[in-house]
Protein backbone atom coordinates (compact mmCIF):
# COMPACT_ATOMS: atom_id res chain seq x y z
CA MET A 1 172.73 61.64 9.40
CA ASN A 2 169.43 63.84 9.94
CA GLN A 3 167.38 62.61 7.18
CA ASN A 4 164.03 64.38 5.92
CA ILE A 5 161.47 63.09 3.60
CA GLU A 6 162.22 65.71 1.11
CA ASP A 7 165.83 64.22 0.97
CA PHE A 8 165.43 60.72 1.85
CA LYS A 9 167.26 58.44 -1.35
CA PHE A 10 164.62 56.50 -2.68
CA PRO A 11 163.38 56.42 -6.64
CA LYS A 12 160.96 59.55 -6.88
CA VAL A 13 157.81 57.71 -7.95
CA LYS A 14 154.42 58.41 -6.72
CA ILE A 15 153.91 56.50 -2.96
CA TYR A 16 150.62 54.62 -3.27
CA GLU A 17 148.79 54.12 -0.22
CA ARG A 18 148.09 50.09 0.52
CA LYS A 19 145.60 48.73 2.89
CA ILE A 20 147.80 48.21 5.79
CA LYS A 21 148.47 51.33 7.07
CA LEU A 22 152.12 51.80 9.80
CA LYS A 23 152.02 53.45 12.96
CA TYR A 24 154.74 54.61 15.46
CA GLN A 25 155.44 51.65 17.04
CA ASN A 26 158.32 49.02 16.66
CA THR A 27 157.28 47.05 13.50
CA LEU A 28 159.04 44.08 11.61
CA ILE A 29 157.56 44.02 8.40
CA THR A 30 158.67 40.51 6.80
CA GLY A 31 157.37 39.66 2.78
CA PRO A 32 159.51 38.51 -0.28
CA LYS A 33 161.76 40.83 -2.42
CA GLY A 34 159.56 43.42 -4.25
CA VAL A 35 156.55 43.04 -2.33
CA GLY A 36 156.31 46.67 -1.23
CA LYS A 37 157.99 46.86 2.85
CA THR A 38 160.03 49.70 1.85
CA PHE A 39 157.18 51.71 0.32
CA LEU A 40 154.94 51.32 3.27
CA ILE A 41 157.44 52.93 5.02
CA LEU A 42 157.65 55.47 2.96
CA ASP A 43 153.94 56.28 3.27
CA PHE A 44 154.34 56.49 6.87
CA LEU A 45 157.31 59.25 6.41
CA LYS A 46 155.30 61.62 4.67
CA ASP A 47 153.39 62.80 7.96
CA PHE A 48 155.89 61.60 10.08
CA LYS A 49 157.95 65.06 11.77
CA GLY A 50 159.98 63.33 13.32
CA LYS A 51 163.89 62.92 13.01
CA PHE A 52 164.80 60.08 11.57
CA ILE A 53 168.05 57.75 10.20
CA TYR A 54 167.99 54.99 7.35
CA ILE A 55 169.65 52.17 6.95
CA ASP A 56 170.52 49.11 4.90
CA LEU A 57 172.44 46.23 5.73
CA GLU A 58 172.95 45.11 2.33
CA ASP A 59 174.76 48.09 1.92
CA PRO A 60 178.47 47.94 2.66
CA ARG A 61 179.16 51.19 4.23
CA GLU A 62 179.97 51.61 7.89
CA LYS A 63 176.97 50.67 10.70
CA ARG A 64 178.62 51.82 13.73
CA LEU A 65 176.31 54.44 14.04
CA ASP A 66 174.88 56.63 17.35
CA LEU A 67 171.15 56.11 17.43
CA SER A 68 170.19 57.66 20.06
CA SER A 69 169.28 60.70 18.82
CA TYR A 70 166.42 59.60 16.52
CA ASP A 71 163.14 59.48 16.77
CA LEU A 72 162.85 56.99 14.63
CA VAL A 73 165.11 54.21 12.81
CA ILE A 74 164.96 52.49 9.37
CA ILE A 75 166.72 48.89 9.58
CA GLU A 76 166.05 47.81 6.02
CA ASN A 77 167.61 44.23 5.11
CA TYR A 78 167.56 43.21 8.99
CA ASN A 79 169.55 40.17 10.64
CA ARG A 80 170.10 39.50 14.04
CA PHE A 81 173.42 40.12 14.45
CA PHE A 82 172.73 43.98 14.48
CA PRO A 83 171.96 45.27 17.69
CA LEU A 84 168.66 46.91 18.11
CA PRO A 85 168.59 50.49 18.95
CA ASN A 86 166.34 51.65 22.63
CA THR A 87 164.70 54.14 19.66
CA THR A 88 161.19 53.07 17.76
CA THR A 89 162.27 51.33 15.22
CA PHE A 90 160.77 49.67 11.70
CA LEU A 91 162.38 46.83 10.47
CA THR A 92 162.49 44.75 6.79
CA SER A 93 163.47 41.56 5.99
CA THR A 94 162.99 38.58 3.67
CA LYS A 95 163.24 36.09 6.35
CA ASP A 96 160.17 35.08 8.04
CA MET A 97 161.24 35.59 11.73
CA ASN A 98 159.39 37.27 15.17
CA ILE A 99 161.02 39.96 17.41
CA ARG A 100 160.06 40.17 20.84
CA GLY A 101 158.51 43.62 22.00
CA PHE A 102 157.97 44.34 17.59
CA LYS A 103 154.40 43.95 15.86
CA ARG A 104 154.76 41.84 12.84
CA ILE A 105 153.66 42.89 9.37
CA GLU A 106 154.20 39.98 7.23
CA LEU A 107 153.15 41.71 3.85
CA LYS A 108 152.05 40.21 0.92
CA ASN A 109 152.28 41.65 -3.03
CA LEU A 110 149.08 43.64 -4.01
CA ASP A 111 145.96 41.91 -4.44
CA PHE A 112 143.95 42.99 -7.46
CA GLU A 113 142.16 45.56 -5.25
CA GLU A 114 144.99 47.71 -4.78
CA TYR A 115 146.63 47.00 -7.87
CA PHE A 116 143.64 48.56 -10.15
CA SER A 117 143.62 51.68 -7.50
CA PHE A 118 147.43 52.22 -8.20
CA ASP A 119 147.31 51.29 -12.22
CA ARG A 120 147.56 54.54 -14.18
CA HIS A 121 145.46 52.63 -16.74
CA GLN A 122 142.43 53.11 -14.81
CA SER A 123 140.39 51.36 -17.11
CA ILE A 124 139.28 47.45 -15.02
CA THR A 125 139.44 45.36 -17.89
CA HIS A 126 142.36 46.58 -18.98
CA SER A 127 143.89 47.03 -15.27
CA PHE A 128 143.14 42.98 -14.99
CA ASN A 129 144.91 42.20 -18.69
CA TYR A 130 147.89 43.99 -17.29
CA PHE A 131 147.69 41.91 -13.75
CA LEU A 132 147.30 38.78 -15.39
CA THR A 133 150.30 39.71 -17.61
CA ASP A 134 152.72 41.07 -15.49
CA GLY A 135 151.97 39.63 -11.94
CA ASN A 136 150.73 41.17 -8.48
CA SER A 137 154.02 43.36 -8.03
CA ALA A 138 153.69 46.60 -7.06
CA GLU A 139 157.22 47.41 -8.28
CA LEU A 140 156.72 46.61 -11.95
CA LEU A 141 153.69 49.36 -12.27
CA PHE A 142 156.12 52.03 -12.27
CA LEU A 143 158.24 50.56 -15.10
CA ASP A 144 157.62 50.47 -18.70
CA ASP A 145 156.34 47.03 -20.29
CA PHE A 146 159.67 46.49 -21.92
CA PHE A 147 161.57 46.49 -18.71
CA LYS A 148 158.85 44.08 -16.69
CA ALA A 149 160.30 40.61 -17.43
CA LYS A 150 164.16 41.81 -16.90
CA LYS A 151 163.32 43.44 -13.51
CA LEU A 152 161.56 40.23 -12.30
CA GLN A 153 164.28 38.00 -13.79
CA ASP A 154 166.92 40.25 -11.80
CA ASN A 155 165.07 39.67 -8.91
CA ILE A 156 165.30 36.00 -8.92
CA LEU A 157 169.20 36.37 -9.05
CA LEU A 158 169.16 38.57 -5.92
CA MET A 159 167.15 36.23 -3.85
CA PRO A 160 168.49 34.01 -0.80
CA TYR A 161 167.78 30.87 -2.21
CA ASP A 162 169.07 28.33 -4.72
CA LYS A 163 168.15 29.85 -8.54
CA ASP A 164 167.16 25.89 -9.74
CA ILE A 165 164.50 24.99 -7.93
CA LEU A 166 163.49 28.40 -7.43
CA LYS A 167 163.33 28.73 -10.95
CA PHE A 168 161.49 25.41 -11.29
CA LEU A 169 159.48 26.25 -9.03
CA PHE A 170 158.37 29.26 -10.50
CA SER A 171 157.81 28.31 -13.71
CA HIS A 172 155.68 25.18 -12.70
CA ILE A 173 152.45 27.14 -10.94
CA GLY A 174 149.32 25.67 -10.61
CA GLU A 175 151.13 22.23 -11.89
CA LYS A 176 151.37 19.13 -9.20
CA PHE A 177 154.52 17.22 -8.30
CA SER A 178 155.57 15.26 -5.28
CA LEU A 179 158.61 17.22 -3.75
CA TYR A 180 160.14 13.61 -4.43
CA GLN A 181 159.39 14.24 -8.35
CA ILE A 182 161.11 17.74 -7.94
CA TYR A 183 164.47 16.44 -6.49
CA GLN A 184 164.77 13.72 -9.21
CA ILE A 185 163.81 16.00 -12.31
CA LEU A 186 166.32 19.13 -10.61
CA LYS A 187 169.13 16.46 -10.38
CA ARG A 188 169.84 15.44 -13.47
CA ASN A 189 171.31 18.97 -14.13
CA LYS A 190 172.77 19.72 -10.93
CA LYS A 191 174.73 18.00 -7.78
CA LEU A 192 171.72 18.30 -5.49
CA SER A 193 171.76 17.03 -2.38
CA LYS A 194 168.89 15.47 -0.60
CA ASP A 195 168.86 17.64 2.32
CA LYS A 196 170.29 20.53 0.64
CA PHE A 197 167.02 19.83 -1.37
CA TYR A 198 164.51 19.64 1.43
CA ASP A 199 165.39 22.33 3.40
CA GLU A 200 165.59 24.45 0.69
CA ILE A 201 161.76 23.63 0.62
CA GLU A 202 161.43 24.34 3.79
CA THR A 203 162.77 27.49 3.75
CA LEU A 204 160.85 28.47 0.58
CA GLN A 205 157.42 28.18 2.48
CA LYS A 206 158.48 29.62 5.54
CA ASP A 207 159.23 32.69 3.94
CA LYS A 208 156.11 32.68 1.90
CA VAL A 209 158.36 32.33 -1.43
CA ILE A 210 156.41 29.34 -2.61
CA PHE A 211 153.10 27.97 -1.19
CA LEU A 212 152.80 24.14 -1.83
CA VAL A 213 148.88 23.19 -1.54
CA ASP A 214 148.18 19.55 -0.07
CA LYS A 215 145.23 16.91 -1.74
CA PHE A 216 142.34 16.63 0.33
CA ASN A 217 142.79 13.35 2.80
CA SER A 218 145.71 12.48 1.18
CA LEU A 219 148.90 14.44 2.23
CA LYS A 220 150.99 11.71 0.34
CA ALA A 221 149.61 12.93 -2.77
CA PRO A 222 151.78 15.47 -5.35
CA LYS A 223 151.78 18.53 -4.04
CA LYS A 224 149.90 21.31 -6.25
CA VAL A 225 152.72 24.82 -6.58
CA PHE A 226 151.60 28.55 -6.60
CA SER A 227 154.11 31.30 -6.01
CA TYR A 228 153.85 34.58 -4.30
CA ASN A 229 153.99 36.26 -7.78
CA PHE A 230 152.58 35.08 -10.56
CA GLY A 231 153.95 37.13 -12.78
CA TYR A 232 158.02 35.01 -12.23
CA LYS A 233 155.76 32.93 -14.89
CA ASN A 234 155.64 34.26 -17.43
CA ALA A 235 159.19 35.95 -16.74
CA LEU A 236 160.68 32.55 -17.00
CA THR A 237 159.27 30.77 -20.18
CA TYR A 238 156.83 31.40 -22.97
CA ASP A 239 154.59 28.59 -22.12
CA LYS A 240 151.68 31.24 -21.83
CA ASN A 241 149.74 28.67 -18.93
CA ILE A 242 147.17 30.68 -18.38
CA SER A 243 144.73 28.47 -16.00
CA GLY A 244 147.59 28.09 -13.79
CA ILE A 245 148.32 31.45 -13.28
CA LEU A 246 144.60 32.13 -13.21
CA GLU A 247 144.63 29.50 -10.56
CA ASN A 248 147.33 31.01 -8.66
CA MET A 249 145.91 34.49 -8.78
CA VAL A 250 142.94 32.88 -6.94
CA PHE A 251 144.57 30.89 -4.35
CA LEU A 252 146.95 34.55 -3.09
CA GLU A 253 143.51 35.86 -2.40
CA LEU A 254 141.76 33.11 -0.35
CA ASP A 255 142.49 33.27 3.37
CA GLU A 256 141.16 29.78 4.39
CA GLU A 257 143.01 26.37 5.06
CA VAL A 258 142.62 25.14 1.31
CA TYR A 259 143.29 22.05 -0.39
CA TYR A 260 142.92 20.65 -3.86
CA LEU A 261 140.83 17.26 -5.56
CA ASP A 262 140.52 16.18 -8.78
CA ASN A 263 138.42 18.05 -10.65
CA VAL A 264 138.15 20.58 -8.15
CA ASN A 265 141.01 23.51 -7.92
CA PHE A 266 140.02 24.79 -4.46
CA TYR A 267 138.37 23.59 -1.52
CA MET A 268 137.69 24.84 2.15
CA PRO A 269 136.23 22.06 4.39
CA GLU A 270 136.21 24.75 7.18
CA ILE A 271 133.65 26.77 5.45
CA GLY A 272 132.19 24.36 3.11
CA LYS A 273 132.89 25.72 -0.42
CA ILE A 274 134.50 24.62 -3.81
CA ILE A 275 135.89 27.29 -6.07
CA LEU A 276 136.85 26.16 -9.56
CA VAL A 277 138.93 28.21 -12.06
CA TYR A 278 138.23 27.99 -15.59
CA PRO A 279 139.97 30.81 -18.20
CA PHE A 280 136.46 30.34 -20.38
CA ILE A 281 133.87 27.90 -19.84
CA THR A 282 130.34 27.59 -21.27
CA GLU A 283 127.06 26.76 -19.51
CA LEU A 284 127.54 23.17 -20.70
CA GLN A 285 131.06 23.03 -20.62
CA LEU A 286 130.59 23.72 -16.44
CA ILE A 287 127.95 21.19 -16.43
CA GLU A 288 129.72 18.37 -17.46
CA LYS A 289 132.20 20.10 -15.12
CA LEU A 290 130.50 19.69 -12.11
CA LYS A 291 129.17 16.24 -12.06
CA LYS A 292 132.88 15.14 -11.74
CA ILE A 293 133.14 16.34 -8.12
CA PRO A 294 133.13 13.73 -6.24
CA ARG A 295 130.08 12.52 -4.51
CA ASN A 296 130.72 12.26 -1.17
CA LEU A 297 132.41 16.28 -0.31
CA ASP A 298 130.51 17.80 2.04
CA PHE A 299 129.86 21.75 0.82
CA ASP A 300 127.03 24.47 1.05
CA THR A 301 128.87 26.90 -2.14
CA ILE A 302 130.56 26.73 -5.61
CA GLU A 303 132.21 29.91 -7.26
CA VAL A 304 133.86 29.58 -10.47
CA VAL A 305 136.03 32.08 -11.71
CA THR A 306 137.02 33.11 -15.08
CA ILE A 307 138.86 35.80 -17.17
CA SER A 308 135.70 36.90 -18.83
CA ASN A 309 132.62 34.67 -18.42
CA GLU A 310 129.66 35.60 -15.86
CA PHE A 311 126.23 33.62 -15.20
CA GLU A 312 124.55 31.80 -12.51
CA ILE A 313 123.38 28.18 -12.96
CA GLU A 314 121.64 25.80 -10.42
CA TYR A 315 123.12 22.70 -9.85
CA LYS A 316 121.99 19.82 -7.22
CA ASN A 317 119.65 22.84 -5.68
CA LYS A 318 122.79 25.23 -5.72
CA LYS A 319 123.29 28.32 -7.05
CA VAL A 320 126.24 28.70 -8.93
CA GLU A 321 128.05 31.76 -9.93
CA VAL A 322 130.72 32.43 -12.22
CA LYS A 323 132.36 35.14 -12.43
CA PRO A 324 135.30 36.76 -13.45
CA PHE A 325 138.14 36.97 -11.65
CA TRP A 326 138.17 40.66 -11.44
CA VAL A 327 134.00 40.86 -9.91
CA TRP A 328 134.97 37.71 -7.70
CA SER A 329 138.05 39.31 -6.14
CA PHE A 330 136.07 42.47 -5.21
CA VAL A 331 133.29 41.02 -3.89
CA GLU A 332 135.71 38.75 -1.78
């Protein structure tokens, strides 16, 4: 099975370049469903001149193949039961793993800078509105609006996790829960052991599908729930929690260790930064919010992320910059 990019059997869509690029070396690409692992490989194949073979381990067809004659072997949905060839290999997996001798790329969904560069609307405010509504999945850019929610709903059904746990967490991004609270809520409507629940939560975090943010200096307090794709919120519920979605968007742009506090959306103690998230806020409202920041908190910088407001004020000899998300994310 000698394949070339011209007859490679993938959807016929334009292939956009990500910030991450593949090199010709053994590589494992991990990440949740829909983040663009396959398209990262397609981008590499545009300029690849060698002989390659593509294998999807979720395809039921026979897999006992002679792989020795290929320059590149691509194995999607890899599991450790499939023997690795002795030639250069690209692997993809939704599971968190490391393989000796393989460079590991942990792929995330699009950040807003990538999304805007891919988006056909090409107005930054228009693009932001779609980003806010649809989420950060690259695959949705190629769909008509009518099919986007259905695509996300179908993705959930294909994920190898407990669907009730997954739907609950995706539907409550930006909200605070203890794990025990979530367990008690779910147990009302389904048979669920405590061990099964906690194992599933651990797996979802390990696979970077769900993120649970701790309260600073209070690890036993309820945790804030965030998703790798904030678009699932609108696909699962009619509750338009714009604050929670915007907060999830900001969280995914952060690289530092992060916590929350009462009246503080994000606190990064290592760099002394506070980030507040308000979809809409005036200067007078912001001053009142700033007064509620814990007095004993050590920080140097305060940033405020909004949907459309933009201004600067000074508070306790510190400059406070208020920026729309699309401005703030580009600067970051």
